[in-house]
Every structure is written in structure tokens, then in C-alpha cells.
C-alpha atoms as a PDB file:
ATOM      1  CA  MET A   1       4.852   0.516  36.204  1.00  0.00           C
ATOM      2  CA  CYS A   2       6.629   3.679  37.276  1.00  0.00           C
ATOM      3  CA  PRO A   3       9.343   4.369  34.328  1.00  0.00           C
ATOM      4  CA  GLN A   4      12.384   4.157  36.657  1.00  0.00           C
ATOM      5  CA  LEU A   5      11.519   0.893  37.659  1.00  0.00           C
ATOM      6  CA  ASN A   6      12.255  -0.920  34.032  1.00  0.00           C
ATOM      7  CA  ASN A   7      15.606   1.792  33.913  1.00  0.00           C
ATOM      8  CA  HIS A   8      17.334  -0.805  31.467  1.00  0.00           C
ATOM      9  CA  GLY A   9      14.131  -0.872  28.845  1.00  0.00           C
ATOM     10  CA  SER A  10      14.307   3.036  28.838  1.00  0.00           C
ATOM     11  CA  GLN A  11      17.840   3.216  28.417  1.00  0.00           C
ATOM     12  CA  ARG A  12      17.824   0.768  25.399  1.00  0.00           C
ATOM     13  CA  ILE A  13      14.943   3.264  23.829  1.00  0.00           C
ATOM     14  CA  ALA A  14      16.886   6.531  24.893  1.00  0.00           C
ATOM     15  CA  VAL A  15      19.843   5.311  22.979  1.00  0.00           C
ATOM     16  CA  ALA A  16      17.336   4.213  20.156  1.00  0.00           C
ATOM     17  CA  LEU A  17      15.658   8.138  19.970  1.00  0.00           C
ATOM     18  CA  VAL A  18      19.533   9.674  19.865  1.00  0.00           C
ATOM     19  CA  GLN A  19      20.477   7.168  17.250  1.00  0.00           C
ATOM     20  CA  ARG A  20      17.166   8.267  15.090  1.00  0.00           C
ATOM     21  CA  GLY A  21      17.843  11.679  15.543  1.00  0.00           C
ATOM     22  CA  GLY A  22      20.896  11.326  13.068  1.00  0.00           C
ATOM     23  CA  PRO A  23      24.025  11.937  13.665  1.00  0.00           C
ATOM     24  CA  ALA A  24      24.996  14.393  16.233  1.00  0.00           C
ATOM     25  CA  ALA A  25      21.250  14.687  17.299  1.00  0.00           C
ATOM     26  CA  ASP A  26      20.168  18.043  19.269  1.00  0.00           C
ATOM     27  CA  SER A  27      17.554  18.023  21.583  1.00  0.00           C
ATOM     28  CA  ALA A  28      14.967  18.897  19.005  1.00  0.00           C
ATOM     29  CA  GLN A  29      15.835  16.289  16.610  1.00  0.00           C
ATOM     30  CA  ILE A  30      15.423  13.697  19.492  1.00  0.00           C
ATOM     31  CA  ALA A  31      12.054  15.242  20.459  1.00  0.00           C
ATOM     32  CA  GLU A  32      11.183  14.532  16.922  1.00  0.00           C
ATOM     33  CA  ALA A  33      12.120  11.371  17.293  1.00  0.00           C
ATOM     34  CA  VAL A  34       9.756  10.937  20.375  1.00  0.00           C
ATOM     35  CA  ALA A  35       6.984  12.325  18.396  1.00  0.00           C
ATOM     36  CA  TRP A  36       7.456  10.206  15.747  1.00  0.00           C
ATOM     37  CA  ALA A  37       7.488   6.940  18.036  1.00  0.00           C
ATOM     38  CA  TRP A  38       4.533   8.297  19.948  1.00  0.00           C
ATOM     39  CA  LEU A  39       2.452   8.778  16.678  1.00  0.00           C
ATOM     40  CA  GLN A  40       3.598   4.637  15.260  1.00  0.00           C
ATOM     41  CA  ILE A  41       2.388   3.334  18.839  1.00  0.00           C
ATOM     42  CA  ALA A  42      -0.940   5.320  18.363  1.00  0.00           C
ATOM     43  CA  ASP A  43      -1.207   3.837  14.907  1.00  0.00           C
ATOM     44  CA  ALA A  44      -0.393   0.262  16.225  1.00  0.00           C
ATOM     45  CA  LEU A  45      -2.662   0.554  19.471  1.00  0.00           C
ATOM     46  CA  SER A  46      -6.081   3.237  18.782  1.00  0.00           C
ATOM     47  CA  PRO A  47      -7.656   0.052  16.453  1.00  0.00           C
ATOM     48  CA  ILE A  48      -7.276  -2.176  19.420  1.00  0.00           C
ATOM     49  CA  ILE A  49      -7.823  -0.428  22.645  1.00  0.00           C
ATOM     50  CA  GLY A  50      -9.556   3.118  20.846  1.00  0.00           C
ATOM     51  CA  ALA A  51      -8.256   6.474  20.806  1.00  0.00           C
ATOM     52  CA  GLN A  52      -9.904   6.837  24.629  1.00  0.00           C
ATOM     53  CA  GLY A  53      -8.016   3.922  25.832  1.00  0.00           C
ATOM     54  CA  PHE A  54      -4.839   4.776  24.321  1.00  0.00           C
ATOM     55  CA  ALA A  55      -4.998   8.557  25.593  1.00  0.00           C
ATOM     56  CA  ALA A  56      -5.417   7.178  28.756  1.00  0.00           C
ATOM     57  CA  LEU A  57      -1.912   5.299  28.576  1.00  0.00           C
ATOM     58  CA  TYR A  58      -0.261   8.234  27.263  1.00  0.00           C
ATOM     59  CA  THR A  59      -1.487  10.524  29.748  1.00  0.00           C
ATOM     60  CA  ARG A  60      -0.552   7.922  32.584  1.00  0.00           C
ATOM     61  CA  SER A  61       2.789   7.430  31.029  1.00  0.00           C
ATOM     62  CA  PHE A  62       3.272  11.456  30.743  1.00  0.00           C
ATOM     63  CA  HIS A  63       2.579  11.918  34.331  1.00  0.00           C
ATOM     64  CA  ASP A  64       4.235   9.166  35.597  1.00  0.00           C
ATOM     65  CA  THR A  65       7.676  10.431  33.770  1.00  0.00           C
ATOM     66  CA  ALA A  66       6.979  13.878  34.918  1.00  0.00           C
ATOM     67  CA  ALA A  67       7.120  12.756  38.281  1.00  0.00           C
ATOM     68  CA  THR A  68      11.114  12.230  37.635  1.00  0.00           C
ATOM     69  CA  HIS A  69      11.661  14.760  35.091  1.00  0.00           C
ATOM     70  CA  PRO A  70       9.537  18.188  36.968  1.00  0.00           C
ATOM     71  CA  TRP A  71      10.349  20.175  33.699  1.00  0.00           C
ATOM     72  CA  LEU A  72       7.549  18.288  31.695  1.00  0.00           C
ATOM     73  CA  ARG A  73       5.127  19.782  34.035  1.00  0.00           C
ATOM     74  CA  VAL A  74       4.778  23.160  31.824  1.00  0.00           C
ATOM     75  CA  VAL A  75       2.853  21.008  29.276  1.00  0.00           C
ATOM     76  CA  GLN A  76      -0.631  21.975  30.039  1.00  0.00           C
ATOM     77  CA  SER A  77      -2.862  19.080  31.169  1.00  0.00           C
ATOM     78  CA  ASP A  78      -5.350  19.598  28.111  1.00  0.00           C
ATOM     79  CA  ALA A  79      -2.578  18.987  25.734  1.00  0.00           C
ATOM     80  CA  VAL A  80      -1.400  16.121  27.707  1.00  0.00           C
ATOM     81  CA  ALA A  81      -5.127  14.730  27.404  1.00  0.00           C
ATOM     82  CA  SER A  82      -5.295  15.259  23.560  1.00  0.00           C
ATOM     83  CA  MET A  83      -2.214  13.982  22.820  1.00  0.00           C
ATOM     84  CA  GLU A  84      -0.866  17.439  21.653  1.00  0.00           C
ATOM     85  CA  LEU A  85       2.975  16.237  20.306  1.00  0.00           C
ATOM     86  CA  GLY A  86       3.719  19.677  19.719  1.00  0.00           C
ATOM     87  CA  ALA A  87       3.239  20.735  22.963  1.00  0.00           C
ATOM     88  CA  LEU A  88       5.896  17.548  24.469  1.00  0.00           C
ATOM     89  CA  LYS A  89       8.131  18.357  21.574  1.00  0.00           C
ATOM     90  CA  THR A  90       8.557  21.746  22.635  1.00  0.00           C
ATOM     91  CA  ALA A  91       9.261  20.641  26.128  1.00  0.00           C
ATOM     92  CA  LEU A  92      11.747  18.018  25.148  1.00  0.00           C
ATOM     93  CA  ALA A  93      13.611  20.337  22.958  1.00  0.00           C
ATOM     94  CA  GLN A  94      14.137  23.177  25.663  1.00  0.00           C
ATOM     95  CA  GLN A  95      16.506  20.574  27.285  1.00  0.00           C
ATOM     96  CA  ASP A  96      19.774  19.343  26.652  1.00  0.00           C
ATOM     97  CA  GLY A  97      19.655  16.033  24.697  1.00  0.00           C
ATOM     98  CA  ARG A  98      20.342  13.783  27.263  1.00  0.00           C
ATOM     99  CA  SER A  99      17.558  14.798  29.198  1.00  0.00           C
ATOM    100  CA  ALA A 100      15.248  14.644  26.250  1.00  0.00           C
ATOM    101  CA  ALA A 101      16.510  11.277  25.248  1.00  0.00           C
ATOM    102  CA  THR A 102      16.039  10.102  29.155  1.00  0.00           C
ATOM    103  CA  ALA A 103      12.274  11.157  29.317  1.00  0.00           C
ATOM    104  CA  GLY A 104      11.212   9.836  26.031  1.00  0.00           C
ATOM    105  CA  GLY A 105      12.796   6.563  26.746  1.00  0.00           C
ATOM    106  CA  GLU A 106      11.028   6.414  30.150  1.00  0.00           C
ATOM    107  CA  MET A 107       7.476   7.618  28.736  1.00  0.00           C
ATOM    108  CA  ILE A 108       7.867   4.944  26.128  1.00  0.00           C
ATOM    109  CA  GLN A 109       8.962   2.245  28.442  1.00  0.00           C
ATOM    110  CA  GLY A 110       6.259   3.562  30.662  1.00  0.00           C
ATOM    111  CA  LEU A 111       3.804   2.999  28.127  1.00  0.00           C
ATOM    112  CA  ARG A 112       5.124  -0.603  27.367  1.00  0.00           C
ATOM    113  CA  ASP A 113       5.071  -1.361  30.974  1.00  0.00           C
ATOM    114  CA  LEU A 114       1.427  -0.374  31.381  1.00  0.00           C
ATOM    115  CA  LEU A 115       0.165  -2.177  28.738  1.00  0.00           C
ATOM    116  CA  GLY A 116       1.885  -5.065  29.579  1.00  0.00           C
ATOM    117  CA  ASN A 117       0.196  -4.997  33.146  1.00  0.00           C
ATOM    118  CA  LEU A 118      -3.080  -4.832  31.412  1.00  0.00           C
ATOM    119  CA  VAL A 119      -2.693  -7.367  28.689  1.00  0.00           C
ATOM    120  CA  GLY A 120       0.487  -9.309  29.650  1.00  0.00           C
ATOM    121  CA  PRO A 121       4.095  -9.438  27.971  1.00  0.00           C
ATOM    122  CA  ALA A 122       3.719 -11.712  25.382  1.00  0.00           C
ATOM    123  CA  LEU A 123       0.642  -9.580  24.042  1.00  0.00           C
ATOM    124  CA  THR A 124       2.493  -6.214  24.368  1.00  0.00           C
ATOM    125  CA  ALA A 125       5.053  -7.243  22.485  1.00  0.00           C
ATOM    126  CA  ARG A 126       3.405  -8.851  19.922  1.00  0.00           C
ATOM    127  CA  LEU A 127       1.409  -5.416  19.238  1.00  0.00           C
ATOM    128  CA  LEU A 128       4.660  -3.319  19.498  1.00  0.00           C
ATOM    129  CA  GLN A 129       7.488  -5.503  18.101  1.00  0.00           C
ATOM    130  CA  PRO A 130       7.008  -3.946  14.818  1.00  0.00           C
ATOM    131  CA  ILE A 131       7.709  -0.420  16.384  1.00  0.00           C
ATOM    132  CA  TRP A 132      10.662  -1.641  18.507  1.00  0.00           C
ATOM    133  CA  ASP A 133      12.490  -3.122  15.456  1.00  0.00           C
ATOM    134  CA  THR A 134      11.876   0.274  13.663  1.00  0.00           C
ATOM    135  CA  LEU A 135      13.071   2.524  16.601  1.00  0.00           C
ATOM    136  CA  MET A 136      15.795   0.035  17.449  1.00  0.00           C
ATOM    137  CA  SER A 137      17.190   0.218  14.028  1.00  0.00           C
ATOM    138  CA  GLY A 138      19.182   3.581  14.434  1.00  0.00           C
ATOM    139  CA  SER A 139      17.321   5.054  11.113  1.00  0.00           C
ATOM    140  CA  PRO A 140      16.861   8.611  11.429  1.00  0.00           C
ATOM    141  CA  ALA A 141      13.213   9.527  12.058  1.00  0.00           C
ATOM    142  CA  PRO A 142      10.877  11.143   9.652  1.00  0.00           C
ATOM    143  CA  ASP A 143       9.733  14.483  10.565  1.00  0.00           C
ATOM    144  CA  ALA A 144       6.768  13.410  12.858  1.00  0.00           C
ATOM    145  CA  SER A 145       4.798  16.983  11.907  1.00  0.00           C
ATOM    146  CA  LYS A 146       4.632  15.655   8.345  1.00  0.00           C
END
């Protein structure tokens, strides 16, 4: 499913990303929250679908999101394929906070939709629920580079 097709979910995630960025979050803090979320998702899914399977979902989600946010295209394809989060964080940090949160939310929702299409919504929810609970709690994200 294309990210814009599940706009409500991506908007909820975008709001959570802003909250996790902390009070008065700027785009760099939001980018940090996005990277944190991707690391958590990778940790949850890679043991089940493998690193290459996860990389394929991440890459597809990235490209689907870049279709509606062309400024993401500055991230080189090898950085996307290897899930180099530093490149994603840089691209997000160069935008205003709203744009960074919107794109981050669409990427994450895009992965959730793709996974749901592959394994079903119930298993997707079960696999990702601990991450959503933490993400939606609004607590500031730890530095994903540590």
C-alpha cells in the first residue's frame, strides 16, 4: 500500500515522532526519533524475516515515501539499500519539522502496510506492538547514534 493511502496512521506516527523529539522538537530531533524507530523495527523484524528481508521492506518504504517527498531522493540508493540511517537523518534534518515528521511517519506506516500485506494485519500488529506502544508513549527518544 502506498504511504498516502493510510494517511491517518502516518499522521499519528508523525505526531508521536514530534513528541519523541522532545519539547520544541526541531527537525534534527525528529530525525533522531525516526532513526530510533527504524532501529527498533529492525531489531524486532530482522530475526524473523532476516536482514535482507527487512532491508527490502525498508527500501520499498523509502522509495514509496520519496515519491511524495522528492527531497528524500538526495539520499543515495546504496545508503538506502544498506539502511544507512545517517543519510536519512541528514535528509530529514534539512527539512522543517513538519516535513520531517510527515515523511518519517509515512515511511514507518508504509513499512507497516507492506508487512501487513505480506503476513496479515494481526501478525503485523503482534510483531510491532511493543514498538508502537513505546513510540506512541511520547517519551523522548534516546540518541539513535549511540
